[in-house]
């Protein structure tokens, strides 16, 4: 039995009723938070958890790439929740090498790259 639709502003189409949630990418920076080594956090006088940025030096501590993988970030892909590190690569079947995407929770920041905006944020946090 088909139910009748009385309101012309409401649809019965299930694909329109179950729209995916749109998550703003500007808020994804808050999700890309990784712990920092105590030495790195002490030298800039900040908390142990920092949002990750390009040109930070990180070390992989868990996951399939853990071990001696340390390097500089060259891309932070917020839409996929993935970061790319310089020397973490994988060889494909045809012989080409591609960079492996790693989730930010699986790395630890060893040194921060401080630009003007980031210094201002750290100073503001230190005052409060």
PDB file of N, CA and C in Angstrom:
ATOM      1  N   UNK A   1       0.839  -1.169   0.000  1.00  0.00           N
ATOM      2  CA  UNK A   1       0.000   0.000   0.000  1.00  0.00           C
ATOM      3  C   UNK A   1       0.889   1.238   0.000  1.00  0.00           C
ATOM      4  N   UNK A   2       0.596   2.170  -0.851  1.00  0.00           N
ATOM      5  CA  UNK A   2       1.383   3.393  -0.990  1.00  0.00           C
ATOM      6  C   UNK A   2       0.714   4.486  -0.179  1.00  0.00           C
ATOM      7  N   UNK A   3       1.527   5.148   0.640  1.00  0.00           N
ATOM      8  CA  UNK A   3       0.959   6.242   1.433  1.00  0.00           C
ATOM      9  C   UNK A   3       0.842   7.484   0.562  1.00  0.00           C
ATOM     10  N   UNK A   4      -0.164   8.247   0.850  1.00  0.00           N
ATOM     11  CA  UNK A   4      -0.377   9.468   0.074  1.00  0.00           C
ATOM     12  C   UNK A   4       0.433  10.604   0.662  1.00  0.00           C
ATOM     13  N   UNK A   5       0.875  11.462  -0.214  1.00  0.00           N
ATOM     14  CA  UNK A   5       1.659  12.605   0.203  1.00  0.00           C
ATOM     15  C   UNK A   5       0.730  13.809   0.265  1.00  0.00           C
ATOM     16  N   UNK A   6       0.650  14.438   1.447  1.00  0.00           N
ATOM     17  CA  UNK A   6      -0.248  15.573   1.613  1.00  0.00           C
ATOM     18  C   UNK A   6       0.478  16.906   1.530  1.00  0.00           C
ATOM     19  N   UNK A   7       1.761  16.915   1.834  1.00  0.00           N
ATOM     20  CA  UNK A   7       2.520  18.158   1.820  1.00  0.00           C
ATOM     21  C   UNK A   7       3.408  18.169   0.582  1.00  0.00           C
ATOM     22  N   UNK A   8       3.257  19.170  -0.259  1.00  0.00           N
ATOM     23  CA  UNK A   8       4.038  19.221  -1.491  1.00  0.00           C
ATOM     24  C   UNK A   8       5.490  19.661  -1.239  1.00  0.00           C
ATOM     25  N   UNK A   9       5.809  20.111  -0.024  1.00  0.00           N
ATOM     26  CA  UNK A   9       7.174  20.523   0.302  1.00  0.00           C
ATOM     27  C   UNK A   9       8.030  19.363   0.819  1.00  0.00           C
ATOM     28  N   UNK A  10       7.421  18.211   1.061  1.00  0.00           N
ATOM     29  CA  UNK A  10       8.119  17.059   1.601  1.00  0.00           C
ATOM     30  C   UNK A  10       8.223  16.001   0.513  1.00  0.00           C
ATOM     31  N   UNK A  11       9.384  15.363   0.405  1.00  0.00           N
ATOM     32  CA  UNK A  11       9.571  14.327  -0.600  1.00  0.00           C
ATOM     33  C   UNK A  11       9.536  12.944   0.037  1.00  0.00           C
ATOM     34  N   UNK A  12       9.174  11.958  -0.736  1.00  0.00           N
ATOM     35  CA  UNK A  12       9.190  10.574  -0.296  1.00  0.00           C
ATOM     36  C   UNK A  12      10.392   9.822  -0.854  1.00  0.00           C
ATOM     37  N   UNK A  13      11.228  10.501  -1.638  1.00  0.00           N
ATOM     38  CA  UNK A  13      12.401   9.874  -2.242  1.00  0.00           C
ATOM     39  C   UNK A  13      13.442   9.597  -1.161  1.00  0.00           C
ATOM     40  N   UNK A  14      13.823   8.321  -0.983  1.00  0.00           N
ATOM     41  CA  UNK A  14      14.727   7.959   0.106  1.00  0.00           C
ATOM     42  C   UNK A  14      16.140   8.496  -0.115  1.00  0.00           C
ATOM     43  N   UNK A  15      16.544   8.672  -1.367  1.00  0.00           N
ATOM     44  CA  UNK A  15      17.890   9.185  -1.609  1.00  0.00           C
ATOM     45  C   UNK A  15      18.006  10.653  -1.223  1.00  0.00           C
ATOM     46  N   UNK A  16      16.903  11.368  -1.266  1.00  0.00           N
ATOM     47  CA  UNK A  16      16.927  12.760  -0.845  1.00  0.00           C
ATOM     48  C   UNK A  16      16.797  12.897   0.669  1.00  0.00           C
ATOM     49  N   UNK A  17      16.180  11.915   1.310  1.00  0.00           N
ATOM     50  CA  UNK A  17      16.008  11.970   2.757  1.00  0.00           C
ATOM     51  C   UNK A  17      17.279  11.609   3.509  1.00  0.00           C
ATOM     52  N   UNK A  18      18.158  10.834   2.916  1.00  0.00           N
ATOM     53  CA  UNK A  18      19.371  10.356   3.579  1.00  0.00           C
ATOM     54  C   UNK A  18      20.600  11.018   2.982  1.00  0.00           C
ATOM     55  N   UNK A  19      20.636  12.315   2.971  1.00  0.00           N
ATOM     56  CA  UNK A  19      21.793  13.035   2.439  1.00  0.00           C
ATOM     57  C   UNK A  19      22.976  12.879   3.387  1.00  0.00           C
ATOM     58  N   UNK A  20      24.182  12.784   2.853  1.00  0.00           N
ATOM     59  CA  UNK A  20      25.352  12.701   3.742  1.00  0.00           C
ATOM     60  C   UNK A  20      25.613  14.040   4.416  1.00  0.00           C
ATOM     61  N   UNK A  21      26.207  13.966   5.597  1.00  0.00           N
ATOM     62  CA  UNK A  21      26.526  15.190   6.310  1.00  0.00           C
ATOM     63  C   UNK A  21      27.709  15.876   5.657  1.00  0.00           C
ATOM     64  N   UNK A  22      27.622  17.174   5.487  1.00  0.00           N
ATOM     65  CA  UNK A  22      28.715  17.939   4.906  1.00  0.00           C
ATOM     66  C   UNK A  22      29.577  18.469   6.038  1.00  0.00           C
ATOM     67  N   UNK A  23      30.838  18.051   6.075  1.00  0.00           N
ATOM     68  CA  UNK A  23      31.760  18.436   7.129  1.00  0.00           C
ATOM     69  C   UNK A  23      32.702  19.493   6.578  1.00  0.00           C
ATOM     70  N   UNK A  24      32.734  20.687   7.151  1.00  0.00           N
ATOM     71  CA  UNK A  24      33.607  21.726   6.597  1.00  0.00           C
ATOM     72  C   UNK A  24      35.080  21.379   6.799  1.00  0.00           C
ATOM     73  N   UNK A  25      35.880  21.556   5.756  1.00  0.00           N
ATOM     74  CA  UNK A  25      37.292  21.200   5.822  1.00  0.00           C
ATOM     75  C   UNK A  25      38.075  22.128   6.731  1.00  0.00           C
ATOM     76  N   UNK A  26      37.553  23.313   6.990  1.00  0.00           N
ATOM     77  CA  UNK A  26      38.238  24.217   7.910  1.00  0.00           C
ATOM     78  C   UNK A  26      38.228  23.652   9.327  1.00  0.00           C
ATOM     79  N   UNK A  27      37.210  22.869   9.658  1.00  0.00           N
ATOM     80  CA  UNK A  27      37.141  22.246  10.979  1.00  0.00           C
ATOM     81  C   UNK A  27      37.986  20.980  11.057  1.00  0.00           C
ATOM     82  N   UNK A  28      38.458  20.490   9.924  1.00  0.00           N
ATOM     83  CA  UNK A  28      39.244  19.256   9.929  1.00  0.00           C
ATOM     84  C   UNK A  28      40.609  19.456  10.561  1.00  0.00           C
ATOM     85  N   UNK A  29      41.074  20.703  10.658  1.00  0.00           N
ATOM     86  CA  UNK A  29      42.361  20.955  11.300  1.00  0.00           C
ATOM     87  C   UNK A  29      42.322  20.544  12.763  1.00  0.00           C
ATOM     88  N   UNK A  30      41.182  20.703  13.401  1.00  0.00           N
ATOM     89  CA  UNK A  30      41.051  20.310  14.795  1.00  0.00           C
ATOM     90  C   UNK A  30      41.150  18.799  14.951  1.00  0.00           C
ATOM     91  N   UNK A  31      40.797  18.043  13.907  1.00  0.00           N
ATOM     92  CA  UNK A  31      40.901  16.593  13.966  1.00  0.00           C
ATOM     93  C   UNK A  31      42.311  16.107  13.649  1.00  0.00           C
ATOM     94  N   UNK A  32      43.104  16.924  12.966  1.00  0.00           N
ATOM     95  CA  UNK A  32      44.479  16.558  12.621  1.00  0.00           C
ATOM     96  C   UNK A  32      45.420  16.990  13.734  1.00  0.00           C
ATOM     97  N   UNK A  33      45.205  16.489  14.924  1.00  0.00           N
ATOM     98  CA  UNK A  33      46.034  16.832  16.068  1.00  0.00           C
ATOM     99  C   UNK A  33      46.886  15.631  16.408  1.00  0.00           C
ATOM    100  N   UNK A  34      48.194  15.864  16.551  1.00  0.00           N
ATOM    101  CA  UNK A  34      49.094  14.777  16.872  1.00  0.00           C
ATOM    102  C   UNK A  34      49.912  15.141  18.100  1.00  0.00           C
ATOM    103  N   UNK A  35      50.347  14.143  18.854  1.00  0.00           N
ATOM    104  CA  UNK A  35      51.192  14.450  20.008  1.00  0.00           C
ATOM    105  C   UNK A  35      52.583  14.879  19.567  1.00  0.00           C
ATOM    106  N   UNK A  36      53.238  15.661  20.405  1.00  0.00           N
ATOM    107  CA  UNK A  36      54.602  16.116  20.134  1.00  0.00           C
ATOM    108  C   UNK A  36      55.530  15.522  21.186  1.00  0.00           C
ATOM    109  N   UNK A  37      56.791  15.303  20.808  1.00  0.00           N
ATOM    110  CA  UNK A  37      57.780  14.886  21.787  1.00  0.00           C
ATOM    111  C   UNK A  37      57.907  15.948  22.858  1.00  0.00           C
ATOM    112  N   UNK A  38      58.272  15.550  24.053  1.00  0.00           N
ATOM    113  CA  UNK A  38      58.378  16.520  25.148  1.00  0.00           C
ATOM    114  C   UNK A  38      59.453  17.555  24.866  1.00  0.00           C
ATOM    115  N   UNK A  39      60.541  17.163  24.187  1.00  0.00           N
ATOM    116  CA  UNK A  39      61.592  18.125  23.874  1.00  0.00           C
ATOM    117  C   UNK A  39      61.096  19.169  22.875  1.00  0.00           C
ATOM    118  N   UNK A  40      60.323  18.716  21.868  1.00  0.00           N
ATOM    119  CA  UNK A  40      59.801  19.645  20.863  1.00  0.00           C
ATOM    120  C   UNK A  40      58.778  20.583  21.481  1.00  0.00           C
ATOM    121  N   UNK A  41      57.964  20.070  22.400  1.00  0.00           N
ATOM    122  CA  UNK A  41      56.958  20.918  23.046  1.00  0.00           C
ATOM    123  C   UNK A  41      57.613  21.875  24.028  1.00  0.00           C
ATOM    124  N   UNK A  42      58.704  21.454  24.664  1.00  0.00           N
ATOM    125  CA  UNK A  42      59.359  22.314  25.656  1.00  0.00           C
ATOM    126  C   UNK A  42      60.096  23.471  25.001  1.00  0.00           C
ATOM    127  N   UNK A  43      60.640  23.257  23.806  1.00  0.00           N
ATOM    128  CA  UNK A  43      61.413  24.337  23.185  1.00  0.00           C
ATOM    129  C   UNK A  43      60.532  25.476  22.673  1.00  0.00           C
ATOM    130  N   UNK A  44      59.267  25.196  22.381  1.00  0.00           N
ATOM    131  CA  UNK A  44      58.356  26.267  21.974  1.00  0.00           C
ATOM    132  C   UNK A  44      57.342  26.589  23.053  1.00  0.00           C
ATOM    133  N   UNK A  45      57.435  25.932  24.209  1.00  0.00           N
ATOM    134  CA  UNK A  45      56.570  26.181  25.361  1.00  0.00           C
ATOM    135  C   UNK A  45      55.097  26.056  24.993  1.00  0.00           C
ATOM    136  N   UNK A  46      54.720  24.879  24.528  1.00  0.00           N
ATOM    137  CA  UNK A  46      53.338  24.642  24.135  1.00  0.00           C
ATOM    138  C   UNK A  46      52.868  23.328  24.742  1.00  0.00           C
ATOM    139  N   UNK A  47      51.612  23.008  24.499  1.00  0.00           N
ATOM    140  CA  UNK A  47      51.071  21.748  25.001  1.00  0.00           C
ATOM    141  C   UNK A  47      51.623  20.587  24.168  1.00  0.00           C
ATOM    142  N   UNK A  48      51.360  19.388  24.619  1.00  0.00           N
ATOM    143  CA  UNK A  48      51.909  18.229  23.940  1.00  0.00           C
ATOM    144  C   UNK A  48      51.124  17.835  22.697  1.00  0.00           C
ATOM    145  N   UNK A  49      49.949  18.408  22.474  1.00  0.00           N
ATOM    146  CA  UNK A  49      49.159  18.103  21.289  1.00  0.00           C
ATOM    147  C   UNK A  49      49.048  19.354  20.432  1.00  0.00           C
ATOM    148  N   UNK A  50      49.455  19.221  19.168  1.00  0.00           N
ATOM    149  CA  UNK A  50      49.457  20.358  18.251  1.00  0.00           C
ATOM    150  C   UNK A  50      48.784  19.962  16.946  1.00  0.00           C
ATOM    151  N   UNK A  51      48.094  20.901  16.290  1.00  0.00           N
ATOM    152  CA  UNK A  51      47.626  20.625  14.929  1.00  0.00           C
ATOM    153  C   UNK A  51      48.828  20.480  13.995  1.00  0.00           C
ATOM    154  N   UNK A  52      48.727  19.566  13.068  1.00  0.00           N
ATOM    155  CA  UNK A  52      49.860  19.255  12.203  1.00  0.00           C
ATOM    156  C   UNK A  52      49.857  20.190  11.006  1.00  0.00           C
ATOM    157  N   UNK A  53      51.048  20.613  10.578  1.00  0.00           N
ATOM    158  CA  UNK A  53      51.212  21.531   9.456  1.00  0.00           C
ATOM    159  C   UNK A  53      52.257  20.986   8.498  1.00  0.00           C
ATOM    160  N   UNK A  54      52.250  21.545   7.306  1.00  0.00           N
ATOM    161  CA  UNK A  54      53.272  21.205   6.322  1.00  0.00           C
ATOM    162  C   UNK A  54      54.632  21.657   6.851  1.00  0.00           C
ATOM    163  N   UNK A  55      55.692  20.930   6.517  1.00  0.00           N
ATOM    164  CA  UNK A  55      57.085  21.184   6.898  1.00  0.00           C
ATOM    165  C   UNK A  55      57.398  20.827   8.346  1.00  0.00           C
ATOM    166  N   UNK A  56      56.471  20.238   9.100  1.00  0.00           N
ATOM    167  CA  UNK A  56      56.808  19.692  10.410  1.00  0.00           C
ATOM    168  C   UNK A  56      57.615  18.415  10.205  1.00  0.00           C
ATOM    169  N   UNK A  57      58.505  18.126  11.145  1.00  0.00           N
ATOM    170  CA  UNK A  57      59.242  16.867  11.100  1.00  0.00           C
ATOM    171  C   UNK A  57      58.548  15.893  12.042  1.00  0.00           C
ATOM    172  N   UNK A  58      58.230  14.706  11.520  1.00  0.00           N
ATOM    173  CA  UNK A  58      57.457  13.734  12.278  1.00  0.00           C
ATOM    174  C   UNK A  58      58.149  12.376  12.257  1.00  0.00           C
ATOM    175  N   UNK A  59      57.713  11.509  13.169  1.00  0.00           N
ATOM    176  CA  UNK A  59      58.182  10.131  13.234  1.00  0.00           C
ATOM    177  C   UNK A  59      56.965   9.222  13.318  1.00  0.00           C
ATOM    178  N   UNK A  60      56.954   8.163  12.516  1.00  0.00           N
ATOM    179  CA  UNK A  60      55.846   7.214  12.502  1.00  0.00           C
ATOM    180  C   UNK A  60      56.043   6.238  13.660  1.00  0.00           C
ATOM    181  N   UNK A  61      55.031   6.146  14.543  1.00  0.00           N
ATOM    182  CA  UNK A  61      55.165   5.300  15.731  1.00  0.00           C
ATOM    183  C   UNK A  61      54.235   4.094  15.725  1.00  0.00           C
ATOM    184  N   UNK A  62      53.229   4.061  14.863  1.00  0.00           N
ATOM    185  CA  UNK A  62      52.354   2.890  14.799  1.00  0.00           C
ATOM    186  C   UNK A  62      51.828   2.741  13.385  1.00  0.00           C
ATOM    187  N   UNK A  63      51.233   1.592  13.121  1.00  0.00           N
ATOM    188  CA  UNK A  63      50.718   1.319  11.796  1.00  0.00           C
ATOM    189  C   UNK A  63      51.679   0.462  10.992  1.00  0.00           C
ATOM    190  N   UNK A  64      51.391   0.276   9.717  1.00  0.00           N
ATOM    191  CA  UNK A  64      52.221  -0.603   8.897  1.00  0.00           C
ATOM    192  C   UNK A  64      53.534   0.046   8.479  1.00  0.00           C
ATOM    193  N   UNK A  65      53.699   1.339   8.690  1.00  0.00           N
ATOM    194  CA  UNK A  65      54.939   2.035   8.328  1.00  0.00           C
ATOM    195  C   UNK A  65      55.785   2.389   9.543  1.00  0.00           C
ATOM    196  N   UNK A  66      55.509   1.804  10.705  1.00  0.00           N
ATOM    197  CA  UNK A  66      56.236   2.205  11.894  1.00  0.00           C
ATOM    198  C   UNK A  66      57.672   1.698  11.839  1.00  0.00           C
ATOM    199  N   UNK A  67      58.516   2.325  12.606  1.00  0.00           N
ATOM    200  CA  UNK A  67      59.919   1.950  12.625  1.00  0.00           C
ATOM    201  C   UNK A  67      60.776   3.198  12.582  1.00  0.00           C
ATOM    202  N   UNK A  68      61.756   3.185  11.726  1.00  0.00           N
ATOM    203  CA  UNK A  68      62.687   4.306  11.630  1.00  0.00           C
ATOM    204  C   UNK A  68      62.230   5.364  10.640  1.00  0.00           C
ATOM    205  N   UNK A  69      60.974   5.391  10.304  1.00  0.00           N
ATOM    206  CA  UNK A  69      60.493   6.367   9.340  1.00  0.00           C
ATOM    207  C   UNK A  69      60.353   7.730  10.009  1.00  0.00           C
ATOM    208  N   UNK A  70      61.275   8.612   9.726  1.00  0.00           N
ATOM    209  CA  UNK A  70      61.180  10.004  10.160  1.00  0.00           C
ATOM    210  C   UNK A  70      61.392  10.860   8.930  1.00  0.00           C
ATOM    211  N   UNK A  71      60.752  11.979   8.908  1.00  0.00           N
ATOM    212  CA  UNK A  71      60.908  12.851   7.757  1.00  0.00           C
ATOM    213  C   UNK A  71      60.036  14.076   7.878  1.00  0.00           C
ATOM    214  N   UNK A  72      60.101  14.887   6.842  1.00  0.00           N
ATOM    215  CA  UNK A  72      59.367  16.141   6.814  1.00  0.00           C
ATOM    216  C   UNK A  72      58.065  15.943   6.049  1.00  0.00           C
ATOM    217  N   UNK A  73      57.008  16.561   6.536  1.00  0.00           N
ATOM    218  CA  UNK A  73      55.723  16.502   5.840  1.00  0.00           C
ATOM    219  C   UNK A  73      55.784  17.373   4.600  1.00  0.00           C
ATOM    220  N   UNK A  74      55.300  16.848   3.484  1.00  0.00           N
ATOM    221  CA  UNK A  74      55.213  17.705   2.318  1.00  0.00           C
ATOM    222  C   UNK A  74      53.782  17.906   1.857  1.00  0.00           C
ATOM    223  N   UNK A  75      52.818  17.165   2.447  1.00  0.00           N
ATOM    224  CA  UNK A  75      51.420  17.402   2.116  1.00  0.00           C
ATOM    225  C   UNK A  75      50.537  16.932   3.259  1.00  0.00           C
ATOM    226  N   UNK A  76      49.546  17.760   3.597  1.00  0.00           N
ATOM    227  CA  UNK A  76      48.528  17.395   4.564  1.00  0.00           C
ATOM    228  C   UNK A  76      47.200  17.404   3.820  1.00  0.00           C
ATOM    229  N   UNK A  77      46.610  16.232   3.648  1.00  0.00           N
ATOM    230  CA  UNK A  77      45.388  16.075   2.866  1.00  0.00           C
ATOM    231  C   UNK A  77      44.242  15.966   3.853  1.00  0.00           C
ATOM    232  N   UNK A  78      43.582  17.088   4.137  1.00  0.00           N
ATOM    233  CA  UNK A  78      42.554  17.112   5.176  1.00  0.00           C
ATOM    234  C   UNK A  78      41.289  16.381   4.773  1.00  0.00           C
ATOM    235  N   UNK A  79      40.980  16.369   3.495  1.00  0.00           N
ATOM    236  CA  UNK A  79      39.750  15.731   3.056  1.00  0.00           C
ATOM    237  C   UNK A  79      39.802  14.212   3.266  1.00  0.00           C
ATOM    238  N   UNK A  80      40.989  13.614   3.094  1.00  0.00           N
ATOM    239  CA  UNK A  80      41.144  12.167   3.265  1.00  0.00           C
ATOM    240  C   UNK A  80      41.670  11.788   4.645  1.00  0.00           C
ATOM    241  N   UNK A  81      41.935  12.764   5.522  1.00  0.00           N
ATOM    242  CA  UNK A  81      42.530  12.525   6.845  1.00  0.00           C
ATOM    243  C   UNK A  81      43.854  11.768   6.715  1.00  0.00           C
ATOM    244  N   UNK A  82      44.717  12.259   5.851  1.00  0.00           N
ATOM    245  CA  UNK A  82      45.963  11.586   5.532  1.00  0.00           C
ATOM    246  C   UNK A  82      47.077  12.618   5.449  1.00  0.00           C
ATOM    247  N   UNK A  83      48.287  12.220   5.855  1.00  0.00           N
ATOM    248  CA  UNK A  83      49.463  13.055   5.657  1.00  0.00           C
ATOM    249  C   UNK A  83      50.472  12.260   4.841  1.00  0.00           C
ATOM    250  N   UNK A  84      51.326  12.973   4.124  1.00  0.00           N
ATOM    251  CA  UNK A  84      52.354  12.349   3.314  1.00  0.00           C
ATOM    252  C   UNK A  84      53.716  12.815   3.802  1.00  0.00           C
ATOM    253  N   UNK A  85      54.615  11.860   4.051  1.00  0.00           N
ATOM    254  CA  UNK A  85      55.954  12.132   4.559  1.00  0.00           C
ATOM    255  C   UNK A  85      56.940  11.868   3.428  1.00  0.00           C
ATOM    256  N   UNK A  86      58.050  12.612   3.432  1.00  0.00           N
ATOM    257  CA  UNK A  86      58.969  12.588   2.299  1.00  0.00           C
ATOM    258  C   UNK A  86      59.492  11.200   1.944  1.00  0.00           C
ATOM    259  N   UNK A  87      60.031  10.457   2.889  1.00  0.00           N
ATOM    260  CA  UNK A  87      60.706   9.214   2.543  1.00  0.00           C
ATOM    261  C   UNK A  87      59.868   7.960   2.762  1.00  0.00           C
ATOM    262  N   UNK A  88      58.594   8.111   3.012  1.00  0.00           N
ATOM    263  CA  UNK A  88      57.726   6.942   3.196  1.00  0.00           C
ATOM    264  C   UNK A  88      57.054   6.664   1.858  1.00  0.00           C
ATOM    265  N   UNK A  89      57.616   5.675   1.132  1.00  0.00           N
ATOM    266  CA  UNK A  89      57.137   5.355  -0.204  1.00  0.00           C
ATOM    267  C   UNK A  89      56.913   3.860  -0.331  1.00  0.00           C
ATOM    268  N   UNK A  90      56.180   3.498  -1.375  1.00  0.00           N
ATOM    269  CA  UNK A  90      55.869   2.105  -1.647  1.00  0.00           C
ATOM    270  C   UNK A  90      56.010   1.883  -3.146  1.00  0.00           C
ATOM    271  N   UNK A  91      56.487   0.717  -3.528  1.00  0.00           N
ATOM    272  CA  UNK A  91      56.663   0.423  -4.943  1.00  0.00           C
ATOM    273  C   UNK A  91      55.434  -0.305  -5.475  1.00  0.00           C
ATOM    274  N   UNK A  92      54.921   0.191  -6.598  1.00  0.00           N
ATOM    275  CA  UNK A  92      53.758  -0.434  -7.216  1.00  0.00           C
ATOM    276  C   UNK A  92      54.189  -1.623  -8.071  1.00  0.00           C
ATOM    277  N   UNK A  93      53.211  -2.342  -8.604  1.00  0.00           N
ATOM    278  CA  UNK A  93      53.497  -3.538  -9.391  1.00  0.00           C
ATOM    279  C   UNK A  93      54.223  -3.201 -10.689  1.00  0.00           C
ATOM    280  N   UNK A  94      53.963  -2.014 -11.252  1.00  0.00           N
ATOM    281  CA  UNK A  94      54.627  -1.659 -12.503  1.00  0.00           C
ATOM    282  C   UNK A  94      55.992  -1.001 -12.285  1.00  0.00           C
ATOM    283  N   UNK A  95      56.444  -0.886 -11.023  1.00  0.00           N
ATOM    284  CA  UNK A  95      57.780  -0.385 -10.747  1.00  0.00           C
ATOM    285  C   UNK A  95      57.860   1.060 -10.295  1.00  0.00           C
ATOM    286  N   UNK A  96      56.792   1.808 -10.408  1.00  0.00           N
ATOM    287  CA  UNK A  96      56.824   3.201  -9.970  1.00  0.00           C
ATOM    288  C   UNK A  96      56.644   3.272  -8.455  1.00  0.00           C
ATOM    289  N   UNK A  97      57.170   4.330  -7.873  1.00  0.00           N
ATOM    290  CA  UNK A  97      57.024   4.511  -6.427  1.00  0.00           C
ATOM    291  C   UNK A  97      55.993   5.585  -6.153  1.00  0.00           C
ATOM    292  N   UNK A  98      55.183   5.347  -5.135  1.00  0.00           N
ATOM    293  CA  UNK A  98      54.166   6.311  -4.718  1.00  0.00           C
ATOM    294  C   UNK A  98      54.312   6.538  -3.223  1.00  0.00           C
ATOM    295  N   UNK A  99      53.904   7.709  -2.777  1.00  0.00           N
ATOM    296  CA  UNK A  99      53.944   8.023  -1.356  1.00  0.00           C
ATOM    297  C   UNK A  99      52.779   7.349  -0.645  1.00  0.00           C
ATOM    298  N   UNK A 100      53.032   6.902   0.570  1.00  0.00           N
ATOM    299  CA  UNK A 100      52.023   6.195   1.356  1.00  0.00           C
ATOM    300  C   UNK A 100      51.344   7.203   2.272  1.00  0.00           C
ATOM    301  N   UNK A 101      50.023   7.204   2.273  1.00  0.00           N
ATOM    302  CA  UNK A 101      49.270   8.078   3.161  1.00  0.00           C
ATOM    303  C   UNK A 101      49.188   7.496   4.554  1.00  0.00           C
ATOM    304  N   UNK A 102      49.432   8.335   5.563  1.00  0.00           N
ATOM    305  CA  UNK A 102      49.434   7.893   6.950  1.00  0.00           C
ATOM    306  C   UNK A 102      48.459   8.772   7.724  1.00  0.00           C
ATOM    307  N   UNK A 103      47.690   8.160   8.620  1.00  0.00           N
ATOM    308  CA  UNK A 103      46.765   8.917   9.452  1.00  0.00           C
ATOM    309  C   UNK A 103      47.554   9.727  10.481  1.00  0.00           C
ATOM    310  N   UNK A 104      47.140  10.971  10.766  1.00  0.00           N
ATOM    311  CA  UNK A 104      47.904  11.823  11.688  1.00  0.00           C
ATOM    312  C   UNK A 104      48.015  11.291  13.108  1.00  0.00           C
ATOM    313  N   UNK A 105      47.112  10.400  13.529  1.00  0.00           N
ATOM    314  CA  UNK A 105      47.197   9.874  14.882  1.00  0.00           C
ATOM    315  C   UNK A 105      48.324   8.862  15.032  1.00  0.00           C
ATOM    316  N   UNK A 106      48.908   8.418  13.942  1.00  0.00           N
ATOM    317  CA  UNK A 106      49.952   7.406  13.990  1.00  0.00           C
ATOM    318  C   UNK A 106      51.352   7.998  13.952  1.00  0.00           C
ATOM    319  N   UNK A 107      51.474   9.313  14.036  1.00  0.00           N
ATOM    320  CA  UNK A 107      52.787   9.958  14.015  1.00  0.00           C
ATOM    321  C   UNK A 107      52.964  10.830  15.253  1.00  0.00           C
ATOM    322  N   UNK A 108      54.224  11.173  15.514  1.00  0.00           N
ATOM    323  CA  UNK A 108      54.577  12.060  16.612  1.00  0.00           C
ATOM    324  C   UNK A 108      55.428  13.181  16.030  1.00  0.00           C
ATOM    325  N   UNK A 109      55.138  14.412  16.405  1.00  0.00           N
ATOM    326  CA  UNK A 109      55.904  15.558  15.913  1.00  0.00           C
ATOM    327  C   UNK A 109      57.232  15.612  16.654  1.00  0.00           C
ATOM    328  N   UNK A 110      58.339  15.651  15.894  1.00  0.00           N
ATOM    329  CA  UNK A 110      59.655  15.768  16.517  1.00  0.00           C
ATOM    330  C   UNK A 110      60.144  17.201  16.529  1.00  0.00           C
ATOM    331  N   UNK A 111      59.810  17.993  15.501  1.00  0.00           N
ATOM    332  CA  UNK A 111      60.141  19.419  15.526  1.00  0.00           C
ATOM    333  C   UNK A 111      59.088  20.182  14.739  1.00  0.00           C
ATOM    334  N   UNK A 112      58.761  21.356  15.229  1.00  0.00           N
ATOM    335  CA  UNK A 112      57.720  22.181  14.625  1.00  0.00           C
ATOM    336  C   UNK A 112      58.326  23.169  13.639  1.00  0.00           C
ATOM    337  N   UNK A 113      57.607  23.434  12.573  1.00  0.00           N
ATOM    338  CA  UNK A 113      58.005  24.517  11.681  1.00  0.00           C
ATOM    339  C   UNK A 113      57.234  25.757  12.125  1.00  0.00           C
ATOM    340  N   UNK A 114      57.959  26.783  12.519  1.00  0.00           N
ATOM    341  CA  UNK A 114      57.326  27.975  13.076  1.00  0.00           C
ATOM    342  C   UNK A 114      57.310  29.089  12.042  1.00  0.00           C
ATOM    343  N   UNK A 115      56.120  29.419  11.562  1.00  0.00           N
ATOM    344  CA  UNK A 115      55.955  30.600  10.736  1.00  0.00           C
ATOM    345  C   UNK A 115      55.321  31.695  11.587  1.00  0.00           C
ATOM    346  N   UNK A 116      55.036  32.823  10.986  1.00  0.00           N
ATOM    347  CA  UNK A 116      54.547  33.980  11.743  1.00  0.00           C
ATOM    348  C   UNK A 116      53.218  33.702  12.437  1.00  0.00           C
ATOM    349  N   UNK A 117      52.281  33.098  11.718  1.00  0.00           N
ATOM    350  CA  UNK A 117      50.959  32.837  12.284  1.00  0.00           C
ATOM    351  C   UNK A 117      51.016  31.805  13.408  1.00  0.00           C
ATOM    352  N   UNK A 118      51.845  30.801  13.231  1.00  0.00           N
ATOM    353  CA  UNK A 118      51.931  29.762  14.248  1.00  0.00           C
ATOM    354  C   UNK A 118      52.596  30.278  15.526  1.00  0.00           C
ATOM    355  N   UNK A 119      53.562  31.175  15.374  1.00  0.00           N
ATOM    356  CA  UNK A 119      54.200  31.779  16.550  1.00  0.00           C
ATOM    357  C   UNK A 119      53.185  32.602  17.344  1.00  0.00           C
ATOM    358  N   UNK A 120      52.326  33.338  16.637  1.00  0.00           N
ATOM    359  CA  UNK A 120      51.309  34.139  17.310  1.00  0.00           C
ATOM    360  C   UNK A 120      50.342  33.250  18.094  1.00  0.00           C
ATOM    361  N   UNK A 121      49.951  32.126  17.523  1.00  0.00           N
ATOM    362  CA  UNK A 121      49.038  31.218  18.207  1.00  0.00           C
ATOM    363  C   UNK A 121      49.690  30.654  19.463  1.00  0.00           C
ATOM    364  N   UNK A 122      50.977  30.275  19.368  1.00  0.00           N
ATOM    365  CA  UNK A 122      51.682  29.728  20.521  1.00  0.00           C
ATOM    366  C   UNK A 122      51.854  30.767  21.620  1.00  0.00           C
ATOM    367  N   UNK A 123      52.123  32.021  21.231  1.00  0.00           N
ATOM    368  CA  UNK A 123      52.246  33.083  22.234  1.00  0.00           C
ATOM    369  C   UNK A 123      50.922  33.330  22.930  1.00  0.00           C
ATOM    370  N   UNK A 124      49.832  33.289  22.153  1.00  0.00           N
ATOM    371  CA  UNK A 124      48.517  33.495  22.731  1.00  0.00           C
ATOM    372  C   UNK A 124      48.166  32.375  23.703  1.00  0.00           C
ATOM    373  N   UNK A 125      48.525  31.132  23.366  1.00  0.00           N
ATOM    374  CA  UNK A 125      48.258  30.011  24.267  1.00  0.00           C
ATOM    375  C   UNK A 125      49.115  30.102  25.531  1.00  0.00           C
ATOM    376  N   UNK A 126      50.338  30.605  25.390  1.00  0.00           N
ATOM    377  CA  UNK A 126      51.230  30.695  26.536  1.00  0.00           C
ATOM    378  C   UNK A 126      50.735  31.748  27.532  1.00  0.00           C
ATOM    379  N   UNK A 127      50.106  32.815  27.052  1.00  0.00           N
ATOM    380  CA  UNK A 127      49.592  33.865  27.939  1.00  0.00           C
ATOM    381  C   UNK A 127      48.425  33.378  28.780  1.00  0.00           C
ATOM    382  N   UNK A 128      47.584  32.541  28.189  1.00  0.00           N
ATOM    383  CA  UNK A 128      46.392  32.091  28.928  1.00  0.00           C
ATOM    384  C   UNK A 128      46.674  30.931  29.833  1.00  0.00           C
TER     385      UNK A 128
END
